[in-house]
Amino acid sequence: MEPPSHRERPLLFLDVDGPLLPFGDGSRPPPSGGGHLARLDPQVGLRLAALPCDLVWATTWEDQANAEIAPRLGLPRLPVVNWPEPSAEAEREDRWFGLCWKTRTLVAWAKGRSFVWVDDAITDADRDWVSAHHPGRALLHHVLSPRGLTDDDFIALDHWLRAV
């Protein structure tokens, strides 16, 4: 009998627009120089890297996240979720259930592995669907897009990841 293999660390699926690039509340002008990427906070990269998980880009930026976002946050190249064209049936079902277009793909990508999904588009419908279709543990963590990831978000993520 073989010894049990080491437990895989949970995945953390990470969206860019909203969580890492907050949209702000409109009360302040965007930072000058560097355009919208100037809103990236390098401290967020350090905090993400310190979490006990494997980070994965789950964003429409796809491979551009490694070229544009990762270096500004001090992160290494990360795996990237590529978004397939959904079938007409899956699209109809997603609309019916009110699912985010990313939900099915992330569950498939995780292959039963525990994961956290950090996004500003998560709803209770996504939580319900993941709970019914994903055999592993999952935390779908909604981030408010005007402010992006905050101290409270990092506390919640770290607490959940250490409990898995």
Protein backbone atom coordinates (compact mmCIF):
# COMPACT_ATOMS: atom_id res chain seq x y z
CA MET A 1 0.00 0.00 0.00
CA GLU A 2 1.36 3.41 -0.99
CA PRO A 3 1.57 6.19 1.57
CA PRO A 4 -0.99 8.94 1.09
CA SER A 5 0.23 11.71 -1.18
CA HIS A 6 0.68 15.19 0.26
CA ARG A 7 -2.48 17.23 0.30
CA GLU A 8 -2.74 19.66 -2.53
CA ARG A 9 -2.99 23.28 -1.53
CA PRO A 10 -6.28 24.95 -2.37
CA LEU A 11 -6.51 27.04 -5.52
CA LEU A 12 -7.31 30.75 -5.45
CA PHE A 13 -8.99 31.89 -8.67
CA LEU A 14 -8.30 35.60 -9.00
CA ASP A 15 -10.17 38.15 -11.07
CA VAL A 16 -8.41 41.42 -12.00
CA ASP A 17 -11.02 44.11 -12.75
CA GLY A 18 -12.70 45.01 -9.47
CA PRO A 19 -10.64 42.98 -6.94
CA LEU A 20 -7.16 44.12 -8.06
CA LEU A 21 -8.10 47.14 -10.14
CA PRO A 22 -10.85 48.79 -8.08
CA PHE A 23 -13.20 51.01 -10.01
CA GLY A 24 -13.41 53.56 -7.19
CA ASP A 25 -16.50 55.43 -6.13
CA GLY A 26 -15.95 58.29 -8.58
CA SER A 27 -15.12 60.81 -5.86
CA ARG A 28 -11.43 60.99 -6.79
CA PRO A 29 -9.80 61.24 -10.21
CA PRO A 30 -7.76 58.20 -11.28
CA PRO A 31 -4.04 58.36 -10.43
CA SER A 32 -1.94 60.24 -12.94
CA GLY A 33 0.75 58.36 -14.86
CA GLY A 34 0.46 54.70 -15.69
CA GLY A 35 -3.23 54.87 -16.59
CA HIS A 36 -5.61 52.44 -14.97
CA LEU A 37 -2.74 50.10 -14.01
CA ALA A 38 -1.53 52.78 -11.58
CA ARG A 39 -4.40 51.64 -9.33
CA LEU A 40 -2.58 48.35 -8.66
CA ASP A 41 -1.23 48.13 -5.13
CA PRO A 42 2.06 46.15 -4.86
CA GLN A 43 1.20 45.36 -1.22
CA VAL A 44 -1.75 43.33 -2.51
CA GLY A 45 0.68 41.14 -4.46
CA LEU A 46 2.73 40.46 -1.33
CA ARG A 47 -0.40 39.59 0.63
CA LEU A 48 -1.69 37.29 -2.12
CA ALA A 49 1.66 35.50 -2.34
CA ALA A 50 1.61 34.92 1.44
CA LEU A 51 -1.74 33.09 1.36
CA PRO A 52 -1.53 29.28 1.74
CA CYS A 53 -2.84 28.48 -1.75
CA ASP A 54 -1.91 28.25 -5.42
CA LEU A 55 -2.89 31.43 -7.27
CA VAL A 56 -4.55 31.17 -10.70
CA TRP A 57 -5.65 34.02 -12.97
CA ALA A 58 -9.42 33.80 -13.58
CA THR A 59 -9.91 36.95 -15.62
CA THR A 60 -10.70 38.12 -19.12
CA TRP A 61 -7.12 39.42 -19.11
CA GLU A 62 -6.08 35.77 -19.55
CA ASP A 63 -2.34 35.61 -20.48
CA GLN A 64 -2.07 39.41 -20.40
CA ALA A 65 -2.43 39.19 -16.61
CA ASN A 66 1.03 37.59 -16.46
CA ALA A 67 2.49 40.26 -18.76
CA GLU A 68 0.82 43.37 -17.29
CA ILE A 69 -0.45 42.63 -13.78
CA ALA A 70 1.89 40.04 -12.21
CA PRO A 71 5.10 42.13 -12.57
CA ARG A 72 3.43 45.21 -11.07
CA LEU A 73 2.28 43.14 -8.08
CA GLY A 74 5.57 41.27 -7.66
CA LEU A 75 3.92 37.95 -8.50
CA PRO A 76 5.49 35.17 -10.58
CA ARG A 77 3.83 33.88 -13.75
CA LEU A 78 0.63 32.18 -12.69
CA PRO A 79 -1.50 29.54 -14.37
CA VAL A 80 -4.31 31.06 -16.42
CA VAL A 81 -7.89 29.91 -16.90
CA ASN A 82 -8.74 30.17 -20.59
CA TRP A 83 -12.43 30.64 -21.23
CA PRO A 84 -14.03 28.23 -23.72
CA GLU A 85 -17.04 29.12 -25.81
CA PRO A 86 -20.05 27.88 -23.84
CA SER A 87 -22.55 25.60 -25.52
CA ALA A 88 -25.94 27.09 -26.32
CA GLU A 89 -27.46 24.76 -23.72
CA ALA A 90 -25.01 25.88 -21.00
CA GLU A 91 -25.68 29.54 -21.85
CA ARG A 92 -29.45 29.03 -21.56
CA GLU A 93 -29.03 27.17 -18.27
CA ASP A 94 -26.66 29.84 -16.89
CA ARG A 95 -29.18 32.57 -17.73
CA TRP A 96 -31.97 30.51 -16.14
CA PHE A 97 -30.03 30.03 -12.90
CA GLY A 98 -28.47 33.51 -12.95
CA LEU A 99 -24.91 32.15 -13.00
CA CYS A 100 -21.79 34.13 -13.73
CA TRP A 101 -20.33 33.02 -17.05
CA LYS A 102 -17.12 31.89 -15.24
CA THR A 103 -18.72 29.50 -12.74
CA ARG A 104 -18.86 26.26 -14.77
CA THR A 105 -15.35 26.68 -16.14
CA LEU A 106 -13.82 27.27 -12.71
CA VAL A 107 -15.49 24.19 -11.24
CA ALA A 108 -14.24 22.12 -14.19
CA TRP A 109 -10.72 23.61 -13.89
CA ALA A 110 -10.55 22.80 -10.16
CA LYS A 111 -11.26 19.09 -10.84
CA GLY A 112 -12.58 18.55 -7.32
CA ARG A 113 -9.76 20.45 -5.63
CA SER A 114 -10.69 22.93 -2.88
CA PHE A 115 -10.74 26.49 -4.13
CA VAL A 116 -11.44 30.12 -3.38
CA TRP A 117 -12.82 32.32 -6.13
CA VAL A 118 -12.28 36.07 -5.67
CA ASP A 119 -14.44 38.17 -8.00
CA ASP A 120 -16.85 41.10 -8.05
CA ALA A 121 -19.44 39.19 -10.12
CA ILE A 122 -20.23 36.35 -7.68
CA THR A 123 -23.83 35.88 -6.54
CA ASP A 124 -25.74 33.45 -4.34
CA ALA A 125 -26.77 31.59 -7.51
CA ASP A 126 -23.08 30.84 -8.17
CA ARG A 127 -22.61 29.67 -4.58
CA ASP A 128 -25.61 27.35 -4.82
CA TRP A 129 -24.47 25.91 -8.17
CA VAL A 130 -20.91 25.30 -6.96
CA SER A 131 -22.19 23.64 -3.79
CA ALA A 132 -24.30 21.26 -5.90
CA HIS A 133 -21.67 20.52 -8.59
CA HIS A 134 -18.26 20.68 -6.90
CA PRO A 135 -17.20 17.80 -4.62
CA GLY A 136 -14.43 19.76 -2.88
CA ARG A 137 -14.66 22.71 -0.52
CA ALA A 138 -15.17 26.10 -2.11
CA LEU A 139 -15.37 29.70 -0.96
CA LEU A 140 -16.85 32.14 -3.44
CA HIS A 141 -15.65 35.47 -2.09
CA HIS A 142 -17.37 38.56 -3.48
CA VAL A 143 -15.27 41.74 -3.54
CA LEU A 144 -16.84 45.16 -3.92
CA SER A 145 -15.48 46.58 -7.18
CA PRO A 146 -15.35 50.23 -6.03
CA ARG A 147 -12.82 49.40 -3.31
CA GLY A 148 -11.10 46.15 -4.40
CA LEU A 149 -9.47 43.73 -1.96
CA THR A 150 -9.32 45.09 1.59
CA ASP A 151 -7.82 44.01 4.92
CA ASP A 152 -11.13 42.35 5.82
CA ASP A 153 -11.04 40.36 2.58
CA PHE A 154 -7.51 39.12 3.28
CA ILE A 155 -8.46 38.12 6.83
CA ALA A 156 -11.44 36.11 5.55
CA LEU A 157 -9.39 34.46 2.79
CA ASP A 158 -6.51 33.55 5.10
CA HIS A 159 -8.88 32.17 7.75
CA TRP A 160 -10.74 29.98 5.25
CA LEU A 161 -7.57 28.73 3.53
CA ARG A 162 -5.92 27.75 6.82
CA ALA A 163 -9.05 25.84 7.85
CA VAL A 164 -9.17 23.71 4.67
